[in-house]
């Protein structure tokens, strides 16, 4: 059961709402426009608020739904977290789009929302505050993700290892943004 759910979560995570919505609306491919990232932030830049919000909701749901299904099927918190991580890995490395995906922040937020909503609210609040102060989405994402780990470790210690892996993956996917932040050339809103 666990491995089947993990595979299905990966396949669901591999759906790129940014790419699909761009194709449906006749807009530019987000992988070839703006920052080149198929995620909500780039969709805001290249396609406007409506498609950005739809991308965000789609990416959030593909992290949330597998965790909820695992919960409803009686799997433990650690198994739920690994299944949620499979959805995030699908977003990062989608089988349908030559393994070229997004950065996983919204999908990770959906996963976190399913595992422990207070940690998701903390992540959202820290992301919003950082973005408000800096107008830099990548910096907000890099601060919000690891900030939730202590709360999650305290309340849901079984999910700590998958969440550490998740944090490492998100930092890895933002390595270009980190270089740009250090060099002072990261994009701002």
N, C-alpha and C. Protein backbone atom coordinates (compact mmCIF):
# COMPACT_ATOMS: atom_id res chain seq x y z
N UNK A 1 0.83 -1.20 0.00
CA UNK A 1 0.00 0.00 0.00
C UNK A 1 0.87 1.26 0.00
N UNK A 2 1.89 1.29 0.88
CA UNK A 2 2.76 2.47 0.98
C UNK A 2 3.42 2.79 -0.35
N UNK A 3 4.02 1.78 -0.99
CA UNK A 3 4.76 2.03 -2.23
C UNK A 3 3.84 2.44 -3.37
N UNK A 4 2.64 1.88 -3.41
CA UNK A 4 1.67 2.28 -4.42
C UNK A 4 1.28 3.74 -4.23
N UNK A 5 1.01 4.13 -2.99
CA UNK A 5 0.65 5.53 -2.72
C UNK A 5 1.82 6.47 -3.05
N UNK A 6 3.03 6.05 -2.73
CA UNK A 6 4.20 6.88 -3.03
C UNK A 6 4.34 7.06 -4.55
N UNK A 7 4.14 5.99 -5.31
CA UNK A 7 4.22 6.09 -6.78
C UNK A 7 3.13 7.00 -7.32
N UNK A 8 1.91 6.83 -6.83
CA UNK A 8 0.81 7.69 -7.28
C UNK A 8 1.05 9.15 -6.89
N UNK A 9 1.62 9.37 -5.71
CA UNK A 9 1.95 10.74 -5.28
C UNK A 9 2.99 11.34 -6.21
N UNK A 10 4.00 10.56 -6.58
CA UNK A 10 5.02 11.05 -7.50
C UNK A 10 4.40 11.43 -8.84
N UNK A 11 3.52 10.57 -9.36
CA UNK A 11 2.88 10.84 -10.66
C UNK A 11 1.98 12.07 -10.58
N UNK A 12 1.26 12.23 -9.47
CA UNK A 12 0.45 13.44 -9.28
C UNK A 12 1.35 14.67 -9.18
N UNK A 13 2.44 14.55 -8.43
CA UNK A 13 3.38 15.66 -8.30
C UNK A 13 4.02 16.04 -9.62
N UNK A 14 4.11 15.09 -10.54
CA UNK A 14 4.72 15.36 -11.84
C UNK A 14 3.87 16.23 -12.75
N UNK A 15 2.59 16.40 -12.41
CA UNK A 15 1.74 17.31 -13.19
C UNK A 15 2.19 18.74 -12.93
N UNK A 16 2.56 19.44 -13.95
CA UNK A 16 3.00 20.83 -13.79
C UNK A 16 1.85 21.76 -14.17
N UNK A 17 1.22 22.33 -13.15
CA UNK A 17 0.10 23.21 -13.40
C UNK A 17 0.53 24.46 -14.17
N UNK A 18 1.73 24.94 -13.95
CA UNK A 18 2.21 26.12 -14.69
C UNK A 18 2.28 25.82 -16.18
N UNK A 19 2.84 24.68 -16.54
CA UNK A 19 2.96 24.33 -17.96
C UNK A 19 1.59 24.05 -18.56
N UNK A 20 0.77 23.27 -17.86
CA UNK A 20 -0.55 22.93 -18.38
C UNK A 20 -1.44 24.18 -18.55
N UNK A 21 -1.44 25.05 -17.54
CA UNK A 21 -2.25 26.26 -17.64
C UNK A 21 -1.73 27.19 -18.74
N UNK A 22 -0.42 27.25 -18.91
CA UNK A 22 0.14 28.07 -20.00
C UNK A 22 -0.31 27.55 -21.35
N UNK A 23 -0.28 26.23 -21.51
CA UNK A 23 -0.72 25.64 -22.78
C UNK A 23 -2.20 25.89 -23.03
N UNK A 24 -3.02 25.70 -21.98
CA UNK A 24 -4.46 25.90 -22.13
C UNK A 24 -4.82 27.35 -22.45
N UNK A 25 -4.08 28.28 -21.89
CA UNK A 25 -4.39 29.69 -22.10
C UNK A 25 -3.68 30.29 -23.32
N UNK A 26 -2.80 29.50 -23.93
CA UNK A 26 -2.05 30.00 -25.09
C UNK A 26 -0.91 30.92 -24.69
N UNK A 27 -0.54 30.88 -23.42
CA UNK A 27 0.55 31.73 -22.93
C UNK A 27 1.91 31.12 -23.18
N UNK A 28 2.94 31.85 -22.80
CA UNK A 28 4.31 31.35 -23.01
C UNK A 28 4.64 30.19 -22.06
N UNK A 29 5.49 29.33 -22.49
CA UNK A 29 5.96 28.22 -21.65
C UNK A 29 6.79 28.82 -20.52
N UNK A 30 6.42 28.56 -19.26
CA UNK A 30 7.17 29.16 -18.15
C UNK A 30 8.61 28.70 -18.06
N UNK A 31 8.93 27.57 -18.68
CA UNK A 31 10.32 27.09 -18.68
C UNK A 31 11.19 27.90 -19.63
N UNK A 32 10.55 28.62 -20.56
CA UNK A 32 11.29 29.41 -21.55
C UNK A 32 11.08 30.90 -21.38
N UNK A 33 10.38 31.30 -20.33
CA UNK A 33 10.07 32.71 -20.11
C UNK A 33 10.36 33.10 -18.67
N UNK A 34 10.56 34.37 -18.44
CA UNK A 34 10.80 34.85 -17.07
C UNK A 34 12.03 34.20 -16.47
N UNK A 35 11.83 33.62 -15.29
CA UNK A 35 12.95 32.97 -14.60
C UNK A 35 13.22 31.57 -15.13
N UNK A 36 12.30 31.04 -15.94
CA UNK A 36 12.46 29.68 -16.46
C UNK A 36 11.93 28.62 -15.51
N UNK A 37 11.36 29.01 -14.40
CA UNK A 37 10.85 28.07 -13.40
C UNK A 37 9.34 27.87 -13.59
N UNK A 38 8.89 26.63 -13.72
CA UNK A 38 7.45 26.38 -13.85
C UNK A 38 6.76 26.38 -12.49
N UNK A 39 6.60 27.56 -11.92
CA UNK A 39 5.96 27.70 -10.62
C UNK A 39 5.11 28.95 -10.57
N UNK A 40 4.45 29.15 -9.45
CA UNK A 40 3.50 30.26 -9.30
C UNK A 40 4.17 31.63 -9.41
N UNK A 41 5.36 31.78 -8.86
CA UNK A 41 6.03 33.08 -8.90
C UNK A 41 6.34 33.49 -10.34
N UNK A 42 6.85 32.57 -11.12
CA UNK A 42 7.14 32.89 -12.52
C UNK A 42 5.85 33.10 -13.31
N UNK A 43 4.81 32.34 -12.97
CA UNK A 43 3.53 32.54 -13.65
C UNK A 43 2.99 33.94 -13.38
N UNK A 44 3.20 34.44 -12.18
CA UNK A 44 2.78 35.81 -11.88
C UNK A 44 3.50 36.79 -12.79
N UNK A 45 4.79 36.55 -13.00
CA UNK A 45 5.58 37.44 -13.85
C UNK A 45 5.13 37.40 -15.31
N UNK A 46 4.87 36.19 -15.81
CA UNK A 46 4.66 36.06 -17.26
C UNK A 46 3.19 35.93 -17.69
N UNK A 47 2.31 35.56 -16.75
CA UNK A 47 0.93 35.29 -17.17
C UNK A 47 -0.13 36.01 -16.33
N UNK A 48 0.27 36.66 -15.25
CA UNK A 48 -0.68 37.41 -14.46
C UNK A 48 -1.19 36.68 -13.23
N UNK A 49 -1.98 37.41 -12.45
CA UNK A 49 -2.43 36.91 -11.15
C UNK A 49 -3.31 35.68 -11.23
N UNK A 50 -4.24 35.66 -12.17
CA UNK A 50 -5.20 34.55 -12.24
C UNK A 50 -4.49 33.21 -12.43
N UNK A 51 -3.62 33.13 -13.42
CA UNK A 51 -2.91 31.88 -13.68
C UNK A 51 -1.90 31.57 -12.57
N UNK A 52 -1.35 32.60 -11.95
CA UNK A 52 -0.43 32.38 -10.83
C UNK A 52 -1.17 31.76 -9.65
N UNK A 53 -2.36 32.27 -9.35
CA UNK A 53 -3.15 31.72 -8.24
C UNK A 53 -3.58 30.30 -8.54
N UNK A 54 -4.02 30.04 -9.77
CA UNK A 54 -4.41 28.67 -10.15
C UNK A 54 -3.22 27.71 -10.08
N UNK A 55 -2.05 28.18 -10.49
CA UNK A 55 -0.84 27.35 -10.39
C UNK A 55 -0.53 27.06 -8.92
N UNK A 56 -0.59 28.09 -8.09
CA UNK A 56 -0.32 27.92 -6.67
C UNK A 56 -1.28 26.91 -6.04
N UNK A 57 -2.57 27.04 -6.33
CA UNK A 57 -3.56 26.12 -5.77
C UNK A 57 -3.34 24.69 -6.26
N UNK A 58 -3.08 24.54 -7.54
CA UNK A 58 -2.81 23.20 -8.09
C UNK A 58 -1.59 22.56 -7.46
N UNK A 59 -0.51 23.34 -7.34
CA UNK A 59 0.72 22.81 -6.75
C UNK A 59 0.53 22.50 -5.26
N UNK A 60 -0.23 23.32 -4.57
CA UNK A 60 -0.51 23.09 -3.15
C UNK A 60 -1.33 21.80 -2.98
N UNK A 61 -2.34 21.63 -3.80
CA UNK A 61 -3.20 20.45 -3.68
C UNK A 61 -2.46 19.15 -3.99
N UNK A 62 -1.51 19.20 -4.91
CA UNK A 62 -0.82 17.94 -5.22
C UNK A 62 0.14 17.53 -4.11
N UNK A 63 0.45 18.42 -3.19
CA UNK A 63 1.19 18.04 -1.98
C UNK A 63 0.26 17.62 -0.86
N UNK A 64 -0.90 18.24 -0.79
CA UNK A 64 -1.87 17.97 0.28
C UNK A 64 -2.61 16.66 0.08
N UNK A 65 -3.12 16.41 -1.12
CA UNK A 65 -3.98 15.25 -1.35
C UNK A 65 -3.32 13.90 -1.03
N UNK A 66 -2.10 13.65 -1.45
CA UNK A 66 -1.50 12.35 -1.10
C UNK A 66 -1.35 12.14 0.41
N UNK A 67 -1.04 13.21 1.14
CA UNK A 67 -0.92 13.10 2.59
C UNK A 67 -2.27 12.78 3.21
N UNK A 68 -3.31 13.44 2.74
CA UNK A 68 -4.65 13.18 3.27
C UNK A 68 -5.12 11.77 2.95
N UNK A 69 -4.84 11.29 1.76
CA UNK A 69 -5.21 9.91 1.39
C UNK A 69 -4.47 8.93 2.29
N UNK A 70 -3.18 9.15 2.51
CA UNK A 70 -2.40 8.27 3.38
C UNK A 70 -2.96 8.28 4.80
N UNK A 71 -3.35 9.45 5.27
CA UNK A 71 -3.95 9.57 6.60
C UNK A 71 -5.26 8.79 6.67
N UNK A 72 -6.12 8.98 5.67
CA UNK A 72 -7.42 8.30 5.65
C UNK A 72 -7.28 6.79 5.55
N UNK A 73 -6.20 6.33 4.95
CA UNK A 73 -5.95 4.89 4.85
C UNK A 73 -5.25 4.33 6.09
N UNK A 74 -5.03 5.19 7.08
CA UNK A 74 -4.49 4.72 8.36
C UNK A 74 -2.97 4.63 8.43
N UNK A 75 -2.26 5.21 7.50
CA UNK A 75 -0.81 5.18 7.57
C UNK A 75 -0.32 6.15 8.63
N UNK A 76 0.83 5.87 9.21
CA UNK A 76 1.40 6.72 10.25
C UNK A 76 1.96 8.01 9.69
N UNK A 77 2.29 8.91 10.61
CA UNK A 77 2.77 10.24 10.22
C UNK A 77 4.04 10.15 9.37
N UNK A 78 4.96 9.27 9.72
CA UNK A 78 6.19 9.18 8.93
C UNK A 78 5.89 8.70 7.52
N UNK A 79 5.02 7.72 7.38
CA UNK A 79 4.66 7.26 6.04
C UNK A 79 3.93 8.35 5.27
N UNK A 80 3.07 9.10 5.94
CA UNK A 80 2.39 10.22 5.28
C UNK A 80 3.42 11.23 4.77
N UNK A 81 4.42 11.50 5.59
CA UNK A 81 5.45 12.47 5.20
C UNK A 81 6.26 11.97 4.00
N UNK A 82 6.61 10.68 3.99
CA UNK A 82 7.36 10.15 2.84
C UNK A 82 6.51 10.20 1.58
N UNK A 83 5.22 9.92 1.70
CA UNK A 83 4.32 9.97 0.54
C UNK A 83 4.19 11.42 0.05
N UNK A 84 4.07 12.36 0.98
CA UNK A 84 4.05 13.77 0.59
C UNK A 84 5.34 14.17 -0.10
N UNK A 85 6.46 13.68 0.41
CA UNK A 85 7.75 13.97 -0.20
C UNK A 85 7.82 13.42 -1.63
N UNK A 86 7.19 12.26 -1.86
CA UNK A 86 7.16 11.71 -3.22
C UNK A 86 6.45 12.67 -4.18
N UNK A 87 5.40 13.33 -3.70
CA UNK A 87 4.70 14.32 -4.54
C UNK A 87 5.61 15.51 -4.83
N UNK A 88 6.36 15.95 -3.83
CA UNK A 88 7.29 17.07 -4.03
C UNK A 88 8.38 16.67 -5.02
N UNK A 89 8.90 15.46 -4.90
CA UNK A 89 9.94 15.00 -5.84
C UNK A 89 9.36 14.95 -7.26
N UNK A 90 8.09 14.56 -7.37
CA UNK A 90 7.43 14.60 -8.68
C UNK A 90 7.39 16.00 -9.25
N UNK A 91 7.15 16.98 -8.38
CA UNK A 91 7.14 18.38 -8.84
C UNK A 91 8.54 18.83 -9.26
N UNK A 92 9.54 18.43 -8.49
CA UNK A 92 10.92 18.83 -8.79
C UNK A 92 11.44 18.14 -10.05
N UNK A 93 11.11 16.87 -10.20
CA UNK A 93 11.63 16.05 -11.31
C UNK A 93 10.46 15.31 -11.97
N UNK A 94 9.62 16.03 -12.73
CA UNK A 94 8.41 15.42 -13.29
C UNK A 94 8.69 14.49 -14.47
N UNK A 95 8.15 13.30 -14.38
CA UNK A 95 8.34 12.32 -15.44
C UNK A 95 7.71 12.79 -16.75
N UNK A 96 6.64 13.58 -16.68
CA UNK A 96 5.93 14.03 -17.88
C UNK A 96 6.64 15.16 -18.61
N UNK A 97 7.59 15.82 -17.95
CA UNK A 97 8.23 17.00 -18.54
C UNK A 97 9.76 16.88 -18.49
N UNK A 98 10.24 15.72 -18.89
CA UNK A 98 11.69 15.45 -19.00
C UNK A 98 12.45 15.76 -17.71
N UNK A 99 11.80 15.54 -16.56
CA UNK A 99 12.42 15.69 -15.24
C UNK A 99 12.88 17.13 -14.97
N UNK A 100 12.26 18.11 -15.65
CA UNK A 100 12.58 19.52 -15.45
C UNK A 100 11.39 20.20 -14.81
N UNK A 101 11.43 20.31 -13.48
CA UNK A 101 10.30 20.84 -12.75
C UNK A 101 10.60 22.12 -12.02
N UNK A 102 9.70 22.43 -11.10
CA UNK A 102 9.80 23.65 -10.32
C UNK A 102 10.66 23.49 -9.09
N UNK A 103 10.47 24.38 -8.15
CA UNK A 103 11.30 24.40 -6.95
C UNK A 103 10.63 23.76 -5.75
N UNK A 104 9.35 23.44 -5.87
CA UNK A 104 8.69 22.60 -4.88
C UNK A 104 8.11 23.28 -3.66
N UNK A 105 8.15 24.59 -3.59
CA UNK A 105 7.73 25.28 -2.37
C UNK A 105 6.23 25.13 -2.13
N UNK A 106 5.40 25.36 -3.13
CA UNK A 106 3.95 25.26 -2.94
C UNK A 106 3.53 23.82 -2.68
N UNK A 107 4.13 22.88 -3.37
CA UNK A 107 3.81 21.47 -3.14
C UNK A 107 4.24 21.05 -1.74
N UNK A 108 5.39 21.53 -1.30
CA UNK A 108 5.85 21.26 0.07
C UNK A 108 4.90 21.89 1.09
N UNK A 109 4.38 23.07 0.78
CA UNK A 109 3.43 23.71 1.69
C UNK A 109 2.16 22.88 1.82
N UNK A 110 1.70 22.32 0.72
CA UNK A 110 0.53 21.43 0.76
C UNK A 110 0.81 20.20 1.59
N UNK A 111 1.98 19.62 1.42
CA UNK A 111 2.39 18.47 2.22
C UNK A 111 2.39 18.82 3.70
N UNK A 112 2.97 19.95 4.03
CA UNK A 112 3.05 20.40 5.42
C UNK A 112 1.66 20.68 5.99
N UNK A 113 0.79 21.24 5.18
CA UNK A 113 -0.57 21.50 5.61
C UNK A 113 -1.28 20.21 5.99
N UNK A 114 -1.04 19.16 5.24
CA UNK A 114 -1.65 17.87 5.55
C UNK A 114 -1.05 17.21 6.79
N UNK A 115 0.25 17.40 6.99
CA UNK A 115 0.92 16.76 8.13
C UNK A 115 0.64 17.46 9.45
N UNK A 116 0.75 18.77 9.46
CA UNK A 116 0.59 19.52 10.70
C UNK A 116 0.27 20.97 10.36
N UNK A 117 -1.02 21.33 10.30
CA UNK A 117 -1.43 22.68 9.87
C UNK A 117 -0.75 23.83 10.61
N UNK A 118 -0.51 23.77 11.94
CA UNK A 118 0.18 24.90 12.57
C UNK A 118 1.57 25.18 11.99
N UNK A 119 2.29 24.13 11.61
CA UNK A 119 3.60 24.33 10.98
C UNK A 119 3.44 24.99 9.61
N UNK A 120 2.39 24.61 8.88
CA UNK A 120 2.13 25.25 7.59
C UNK A 120 1.80 26.73 7.77
N UNK A 121 1.04 27.05 8.82
CA UNK A 121 0.72 28.46 9.09
C UNK A 121 1.97 29.24 9.47
N UNK A 122 2.86 28.63 10.25
CA UNK A 122 4.13 29.28 10.59
C UNK A 122 4.95 29.53 9.32
N UNK A 123 5.00 28.54 8.44
CA UNK A 123 5.74 28.70 7.18
C UNK A 123 5.13 29.82 6.35
N UNK A 124 3.82 29.86 6.26
CA UNK A 124 3.15 30.91 5.49
C UNK A 124 3.42 32.28 6.09
N UNK A 125 3.33 32.39 7.40
CA UNK A 125 3.57 33.68 8.06
C UNK A 125 5.01 34.15 7.85
N UNK A 126 5.97 33.22 7.99
CA UNK A 126 7.37 33.62 7.81
C UNK A 126 7.66 33.95 6.35
N UNK A 127 7.03 33.21 5.42
CA UNK A 127 7.20 33.52 4.00
C UNK A 127 6.64 34.92 3.71
N UNK A 128 5.43 35.18 4.20
CA UNK A 128 4.78 36.46 3.92
C UNK A 128 5.57 37.63 4.52
N UNK A 129 6.04 37.47 5.74
CA UNK A 129 6.81 38.54 6.38
C UNK A 129 8.12 38.80 5.63
N UNK A 130 8.83 37.73 5.29
CA UNK A 130 10.09 37.89 4.56
C UNK A 130 9.85 38.52 3.19
N UNK A 131 8.80 38.07 2.51
CA UNK A 131 8.50 38.64 1.19
C UNK A 131 8.11 40.11 1.32
N UNK A 132 7.31 40.43 2.33
CA UNK A 132 6.90 41.83 2.54
C UNK A 132 8.12 42.73 2.78
N UNK A 133 9.07 42.23 3.56
CA UNK A 133 10.24 43.04 3.90
C UNK A 133 11.27 43.13 2.76
N UNK A 134 11.39 42.05 1.98
CA UNK A 134 12.46 42.01 0.97
C UNK A 134 11.96 42.03 -0.47
N UNK A 135 10.68 41.69 -0.69
CA UNK A 135 10.10 41.56 -2.03
C UNK A 135 10.84 40.51 -2.87
N UNK A 136 11.37 39.48 -2.17
CA UNK A 136 12.14 38.44 -2.83
C UNK A 136 11.55 37.08 -2.49
N UNK A 137 10.89 36.47 -3.46
CA UNK A 137 10.19 35.20 -3.24
C UNK A 137 11.15 34.07 -2.87
N UNK A 138 12.29 33.99 -3.53
CA UNK A 138 13.23 32.90 -3.25
C UNK A 138 13.76 32.98 -1.82
N UNK A 139 14.09 34.17 -1.34
CA UNK A 139 14.57 34.32 0.03
C UNK A 139 13.47 33.94 1.01
N UNK A 140 12.24 34.34 0.74
CA UNK A 140 11.11 33.99 1.60
C UNK A 140 10.94 32.48 1.68
N UNK A 141 11.10 31.80 0.55
CA UNK A 141 10.99 30.34 0.53
C UNK A 141 12.11 29.67 1.30
N UNK A 142 13.31 30.19 1.14
CA UNK A 142 14.47 29.61 1.83
C UNK A 142 14.41 29.82 3.34
N UNK A 143 13.73 30.86 3.79
CA UNK A 143 13.59 31.09 5.23
C UNK A 143 12.42 30.28 5.79
N UNK A 144 11.32 30.23 5.08
CA UNK A 144 10.11 29.58 5.59
C UNK A 144 10.26 28.08 5.77
N UNK A 145 10.92 27.42 4.85
CA UNK A 145 10.98 25.96 4.90
C UNK A 145 11.73 25.44 6.13
N UNK A 146 12.98 25.84 6.37
CA UNK A 146 13.67 25.30 7.54
C UNK A 146 13.14 25.84 8.87
N UNK A 147 12.48 26.98 8.85
CA UNK A 147 11.95 27.56 10.08
C UNK A 147 10.89 26.67 10.72
N UNK A 148 10.18 25.90 9.89
CA UNK A 148 9.11 25.05 10.41
C UNK A 148 9.64 23.76 11.04
N UNK A 149 10.89 23.40 10.78
CA UNK A 149 11.41 22.12 11.27
C UNK A 149 11.38 21.98 12.80
N UNK A 150 11.79 22.99 13.59
CA UNK A 150 11.73 22.79 15.04
C UNK A 150 10.31 22.54 15.56
N UNK A 151 9.33 23.28 15.04
CA UNK A 151 7.95 23.07 15.47
C UNK A 151 7.47 21.68 15.08
N UNK A 152 7.79 21.27 13.87
CA UNK A 152 7.38 19.96 13.41
C UNK A 152 8.07 18.86 14.22
N UNK A 153 9.35 19.05 14.51
CA UNK A 153 10.09 18.05 15.29
C UNK A 153 9.51 17.90 16.69
N UNK A 154 9.02 18.99 17.22
CA UNK A 154 8.45 18.97 18.57
C UNK A 154 7.09 18.29 18.57
N UNK A 155 6.25 18.62 17.59
CA UNK A 155 4.88 18.12 17.56
C UNK A 155 4.70 16.82 16.77
N UNK A 156 5.49 16.62 15.74
CA UNK A 156 5.39 15.43 14.89
C UNK A 156 6.79 14.87 14.64
N UNK A 157 7.45 14.36 15.67
CA UNK A 157 8.85 13.94 15.50
C UNK A 157 9.04 12.84 14.45
N UNK A 158 8.02 12.03 14.19
CA UNK A 158 8.15 10.97 13.19
C UNK A 158 8.35 11.54 11.79
N UNK A 159 7.91 12.78 11.56
CA UNK A 159 8.02 13.39 10.22
C UNK A 159 9.33 14.14 10.03
N UNK A 160 10.19 14.17 11.04
CA UNK A 160 11.39 15.00 10.97
C UNK A 160 12.34 14.57 9.85
N UNK A 161 12.63 13.29 9.72
CA UNK A 161 13.57 12.85 8.68
C UNK A 161 13.07 13.19 7.27
N UNK A 162 11.83 12.86 6.91
CA UNK A 162 11.36 13.26 5.58
C UNK A 162 11.37 14.78 5.39
N UNK A 163 11.09 15.53 6.45
CA UNK A 163 11.10 16.99 6.34
C UNK A 163 12.52 17.54 6.18
N UNK A 164 13.48 16.90 6.79
CA UNK A 164 14.88 17.31 6.60
C UNK A 164 15.30 17.06 5.15
N UNK A 165 14.89 15.91 4.60
CA UNK A 165 15.17 15.62 3.19
C UNK A 165 14.49 16.67 2.31
N UNK A 166 13.25 17.00 2.63
CA UNK A 166 12.52 18.02 1.89
C UNK A 166 13.25 19.36 1.92
N UNK A 167 13.68 19.77 3.09
CA UNK A 167 14.40 21.04 3.21
C UNK A 167 15.67 21.03 2.38
N UNK A 168 16.41 19.93 2.42
CA UNK A 168 17.62 19.82 1.62
C UNK A 168 17.33 19.94 0.13
N UNK A 169 16.25 19.30 -0.33
CA UNK A 169 15.88 19.37 -1.74
C UNK A 169 15.49 20.79 -2.15
N UNK A 170 14.75 21.47 -1.29
CA UNK A 170 14.33 22.84 -1.63
C UNK A 170 15.53 23.78 -1.66
N UNK A 171 16.43 23.63 -0.73
CA UNK A 171 17.65 24.45 -0.76
C UNK A 171 18.45 24.13 -2.01
N UNK A 172 18.58 22.86 -2.36
CA UNK A 172 19.31 22.45 -3.56
C UNK A 172 18.69 23.08 -4.81
N UNK A 173 17.35 23.05 -4.91
CA UNK A 173 16.69 23.61 -6.08
C UNK A 173 16.82 25.14 -6.14
N UNK A 174 17.10 25.76 -5.01
CA UNK A 174 17.28 27.21 -4.96
C UNK A 174 18.75 27.63 -4.99
N UNK A 175 19.65 26.72 -5.32
CA UNK A 175 21.08 27.04 -5.27
C UNK A 175 21.45 28.19 -6.20
N UNK A 176 20.81 28.28 -7.35
CA UNK A 176 21.05 29.42 -8.25
C UNK A 176 20.57 30.72 -7.63
N UNK A 177 19.42 30.65 -6.97
CA UNK A 177 18.89 31.84 -6.29
C UNK A 177 19.83 32.25 -5.16
N UNK A 178 20.39 31.28 -4.45
CA UNK A 178 21.34 31.59 -3.37
C UNK A 178 22.56 32.32 -3.92
N UNK A 179 23.07 31.85 -5.06
CA UNK A 179 24.22 32.53 -5.69
C UNK A 179 23.84 33.96 -6.07
N UNK A 180 22.64 34.11 -6.65
CA UNK A 180 22.19 35.45 -7.04
C UNK A 180 21.95 36.34 -5.84
N UNK A 181 21.42 35.79 -4.75
CA UNK A 181 21.23 36.56 -3.53
C UNK A 181 22.57 37.06 -2.99
N UNK A 182 23.55 36.17 -2.97
CA UNK A 182 24.88 36.54 -2.45
C UNK A 182 25.56 37.58 -3.34
N UNK A 183 25.27 37.53 -4.64
CA UNK A 183 25.88 38.48 -5.57
C UNK A 183 25.06 39.76 -5.71
N UNK A 184 23.90 39.81 -5.08
CA UNK A 184 23.06 41.00 -5.14
C UNK A 184 22.30 41.17 -6.45
N UNK A 185 22.07 40.08 -7.18
CA UNK A 185 21.38 40.21 -8.45
C UNK A 185 20.09 39.36 -8.54
N UNK A 186 19.58 38.94 -7.37
CA UNK A 186 18.33 38.17 -7.36
C UNK A 186 17.16 39.06 -7.73
N UNK A 187 16.19 38.51 -8.45
CA UNK A 187 15.00 39.26 -8.88
C UNK A 187 14.12 39.62 -7.69
N UNK A 188 13.58 40.84 -7.70
CA UNK A 188 12.65 41.31 -6.68
C UNK A 188 11.34 41.67 -7.35
N UNK A 189 10.29 41.69 -6.57
CA UNK A 189 8.99 42.16 -7.06
C UNK A 189 8.81 43.61 -6.74
